[in-house]
Amino acid sequence: MIPVSVGTSRVVQGISVEHVCGEPELSPERDQRLQKHITMTALEALQTEVDKPTLFTPTEDYEQPKEAVHAT
């Protein structure tokens, strides 16, 4: 992967060069969940301390919406 090989500190893997943060073949609802998942992975990458080029790969759990956890 070029960004890692040139020393970029944080790289979030997208879908493809043409569609970095989405997949036009998905339904609009699934595409929106995927976009949100990639964005959340990017936010996690920004909060993670790194000392060398690091690849952050979104997992496939964007398919299942997470339940809200409420503190009592």
N, C-alpha and C. Protein backbone atom coordinates (compact mmCIF):
# COMPACT_ATOMS: atom_id res chain seq x y z
N MET A 1 0.85 -1.17 0.00
CA MET A 1 0.00 0.00 0.00
C MET A 1 0.90 1.23 0.00
N ILE A 2 0.70 2.09 -0.96
CA ILE A 2 1.58 3.24 -1.17
C ILE A 2 1.65 4.17 0.04
N PRO A 3 0.52 4.59 0.65
CA PRO A 3 0.65 5.53 1.79
C PRO A 3 1.52 4.97 2.93
N VAL A 4 1.42 3.69 3.21
CA VAL A 4 2.23 3.10 4.27
C VAL A 4 3.69 3.04 3.84
N SER A 5 3.94 2.70 2.58
CA SER A 5 5.33 2.58 2.12
C SER A 5 6.06 3.92 2.06
N VAL A 6 5.33 5.03 1.92
CA VAL A 6 5.99 6.33 1.89
C VAL A 6 6.05 6.98 3.26
N GLY A 7 5.52 6.29 4.29
CA GLY A 7 5.68 6.77 5.65
C GLY A 7 4.53 7.55 6.24
N THR A 8 3.36 7.50 5.63
CA THR A 8 2.20 8.18 6.20
C THR A 8 1.90 7.54 7.56
N SER A 9 1.72 8.36 8.59
CA SER A 9 1.61 7.81 9.94
C SER A 9 0.33 7.03 10.18
N ARG A 10 -0.79 7.49 9.65
CA ARG A 10 -2.07 6.80 9.86
C ARG A 10 -2.78 6.67 8.52
N VAL A 11 -3.15 5.44 8.17
CA VAL A 11 -3.85 5.19 6.92
C VAL A 11 -5.11 4.39 7.24
N VAL A 12 -6.26 4.89 6.78
CA VAL A 12 -7.51 4.16 6.93
C VAL A 12 -7.85 3.57 5.57
N GLN A 13 -7.98 2.26 5.53
CA GLN A 13 -8.25 1.59 4.27
C GLN A 13 -9.69 1.86 3.83
N GLY A 14 -9.83 2.32 2.60
CA GLY A 14 -11.15 2.57 2.04
C GLY A 14 -11.59 1.41 1.16
N ILE A 15 -12.62 1.64 0.35
CA ILE A 15 -13.15 0.59 -0.50
C ILE A 15 -12.34 0.46 -1.78
N SER A 16 -12.17 1.55 -2.51
CA SER A 16 -11.38 1.55 -3.74
C SER A 16 -10.93 2.99 -4.01
N VAL A 17 -10.10 3.16 -5.00
CA VAL A 17 -9.62 4.50 -5.34
C VAL A 17 -10.79 5.37 -5.79
N GLU A 18 -11.69 4.79 -6.57
CA GLU A 18 -12.83 5.56 -7.08
C GLU A 18 -13.86 5.87 -6.00
N HIS A 19 -14.01 4.99 -5.03
CA HIS A 19 -15.02 5.13 -3.98
C HIS A 19 -14.36 4.86 -2.63
N VAL A 20 -13.62 5.83 -2.15
CA VAL A 20 -12.84 5.64 -0.92
C VAL A 20 -13.74 5.40 0.28
N CYS A 21 -14.80 6.17 0.38
CA CYS A 21 -15.63 6.12 1.59
C CYS A 21 -17.07 5.76 1.24
N GLY A 22 -17.24 4.65 0.54
CA GLY A 22 -18.58 4.20 0.18
C GLY A 22 -18.52 3.15 -0.90
N GLU A 23 -19.66 2.54 -1.18
CA GLU A 23 -19.76 1.49 -2.18
C GLU A 23 -21.07 1.68 -2.93
N PRO A 24 -21.02 2.21 -4.15
CA PRO A 24 -22.25 2.54 -4.88
C PRO A 24 -23.13 1.34 -5.20
N GLU A 25 -22.60 0.13 -5.13
CA GLU A 25 -23.40 -1.06 -5.42
C GLU A 25 -24.28 -1.47 -4.25
N LEU A 26 -24.05 -0.90 -3.07
CA LEU A 26 -24.87 -1.22 -1.90
C LEU A 26 -26.15 -0.41 -1.93
N SER A 27 -27.13 -0.87 -1.16
CA SER A 27 -28.34 -0.07 -1.00
C SER A 27 -27.97 1.23 -0.29
N PRO A 28 -28.77 2.28 -0.44
CA PRO A 28 -28.43 3.55 0.22
C PRO A 28 -28.24 3.41 1.73
N GLU A 29 -29.05 2.56 2.37
CA GLU A 29 -28.93 2.39 3.82
C GLU A 29 -27.62 1.71 4.20
N ARG A 30 -27.27 0.65 3.49
CA ARG A 30 -26.02 -0.06 3.79
C ARG A 30 -24.81 0.80 3.45
N ASP A 31 -24.90 1.56 2.35
CA ASP A 31 -23.81 2.45 1.97
C ASP A 31 -23.59 3.52 3.05
N GLN A 32 -24.66 4.05 3.59
CA GLN A 32 -24.53 5.05 4.65
C GLN A 32 -23.89 4.44 5.90
N ARG A 33 -24.27 3.20 6.25
CA ARG A 33 -23.65 2.53 7.40
C ARG A 33 -22.16 2.32 7.16
N LEU A 34 -21.81 1.93 5.92
CA LEU A 34 -20.40 1.73 5.58
C LEU A 34 -19.63 3.04 5.69
N GLN A 35 -20.19 4.12 5.16
CA GLN A 35 -19.55 5.43 5.23
C GLN A 35 -19.31 5.84 6.68
N LYS A 36 -20.31 5.62 7.51
CA LYS A 36 -20.18 5.97 8.93
C LYS A 36 -19.11 5.11 9.59
N HIS A 37 -19.06 3.85 9.24
CA HIS A 37 -18.09 2.94 9.84
C HIS A 37 -16.66 3.34 9.46
N ILE A 38 -16.44 3.70 8.20
CA ILE A 38 -15.12 4.13 7.77
C ILE A 38 -14.74 5.43 8.49
N THR A 39 -15.69 6.33 8.62
CA THR A 39 -15.44 7.59 9.31
C THR A 39 -15.10 7.36 10.78
N MET A 40 -15.82 6.45 11.44
CA MET A 40 -15.54 6.15 12.84
C MET A 40 -14.15 5.51 12.99
N THR A 41 -13.77 4.68 12.02
CA THR A 41 -12.43 4.09 12.04
C THR A 41 -11.37 5.19 11.91
N ALA A 42 -11.64 6.18 11.06
CA ALA A 42 -10.71 7.31 10.90
C ALA A 42 -10.58 8.10 12.20
N LEU A 43 -11.69 8.33 12.88
CA LEU A 43 -11.64 9.04 14.16
C LEU A 43 -10.85 8.24 15.19
N GLU A 44 -11.03 6.92 15.20
CA GLU A 44 -10.26 6.06 16.10
C GLU A 44 -8.78 6.14 15.77
N ALA A 45 -8.44 6.20 14.47
CA ALA A 45 -7.04 6.30 14.05
C ALA A 45 -6.42 7.59 14.56
N LEU A 46 -7.17 8.68 14.51
CA LEU A 46 -6.65 9.96 14.98
C LEU A 46 -6.39 9.97 16.48
N GLN A 47 -7.14 9.16 17.21
CA GLN A 47 -6.99 9.11 18.67
C GLN A 47 -5.95 8.09 19.12
N THR A 48 -5.43 7.30 18.19
CA THR A 48 -4.48 6.25 18.52
C THR A 48 -3.06 6.77 18.36
N GLU A 49 -2.26 6.59 19.40
CA GLU A 49 -0.86 7.00 19.34
C GLU A 49 -0.09 5.98 18.51
N VAL A 50 0.65 6.47 17.52
CA VAL A 50 1.44 5.58 16.66
C VAL A 50 2.87 6.11 16.60
N ASP A 51 3.82 5.20 16.37
CA ASP A 51 5.22 5.62 16.23
C ASP A 51 5.81 5.18 14.90
N LYS A 52 4.99 4.59 14.05
CA LYS A 52 5.41 4.18 12.71
C LYS A 52 4.17 4.16 11.82
N PRO A 53 4.32 4.03 10.52
CA PRO A 53 3.14 3.97 9.65
C PRO A 53 2.20 2.83 10.09
N THR A 54 0.94 3.16 10.25
CA THR A 54 -0.03 2.20 10.76
C THR A 54 -1.26 2.18 9.87
N LEU A 55 -1.70 0.99 9.49
CA LEU A 55 -2.89 0.80 8.67
C LEU A 55 -4.06 0.44 9.56
N PHE A 56 -5.13 1.20 9.44
CA PHE A 56 -6.37 0.93 10.17
C PHE A 56 -7.38 0.40 9.17
N THR A 57 -7.86 -0.82 9.40
CA THR A 57 -8.78 -1.46 8.48
C THR A 57 -10.15 -1.57 9.13
N PRO A 58 -11.16 -0.93 8.54
CA PRO A 58 -12.51 -1.09 9.07
C PRO A 58 -12.93 -2.56 9.00
N THR A 59 -13.55 -3.04 10.05
CA THR A 59 -14.02 -4.42 10.06
C THR A 59 -15.39 -4.50 9.40
N GLU A 60 -15.90 -5.68 9.26
CA GLU A 60 -17.17 -5.89 8.60
C GLU A 60 -18.37 -5.68 9.51
N ASP A 61 -18.17 -5.21 10.75
CA ASP A 61 -19.30 -5.10 11.67
C ASP A 61 -20.22 -3.93 11.36
N TYR A 62 -19.95 -3.18 10.27
CA TYR A 62 -20.87 -2.10 9.91
C TYR A 62 -22.22 -2.64 9.48
N GLU A 63 -22.27 -3.93 9.14
CA GLU A 63 -23.52 -4.56 8.72
C GLU A 63 -24.55 -4.58 9.84
N GLN A 64 -24.09 -4.74 11.06
CA GLN A 64 -24.98 -4.85 12.20
C GLN A 64 -24.93 -3.58 13.04
N PRO A 65 -26.02 -2.81 13.10
CA PRO A 65 -26.00 -1.63 13.95
C PRO A 65 -25.78 -2.02 15.41
N LYS A 66 -24.97 -1.25 16.10
CA LYS A 66 -24.70 -1.54 17.50
C LYS A 66 -25.82 -1.01 18.38
N GLU A 67 -26.10 -1.74 19.46
CA GLU A 67 -27.11 -1.30 20.40
C GLU A 67 -26.54 -0.19 21.27
N ALA A 68 -27.37 0.77 21.59
CA ALA A 68 -26.94 1.83 22.49
C ALA A 68 -26.82 1.28 23.90
N VAL A 69 -25.80 1.72 24.60
CA VAL A 69 -25.61 1.31 25.99
C VAL A 69 -25.95 2.51 26.86
N HIS A 70 -26.86 2.29 27.79
CA HIS A 70 -27.29 3.38 28.66
C HIS A 70 -26.80 3.11 30.08
N ALA A 71 -26.13 4.10 30.64
CA ALA A 71 -25.67 3.99 32.02
C ALA A 71 -26.80 4.34 32.95
N THR A 72 -26.92 3.60 34.02
CA THR A 72 -27.98 3.89 35.00
C THR A 72 -27.39 4.31 36.32
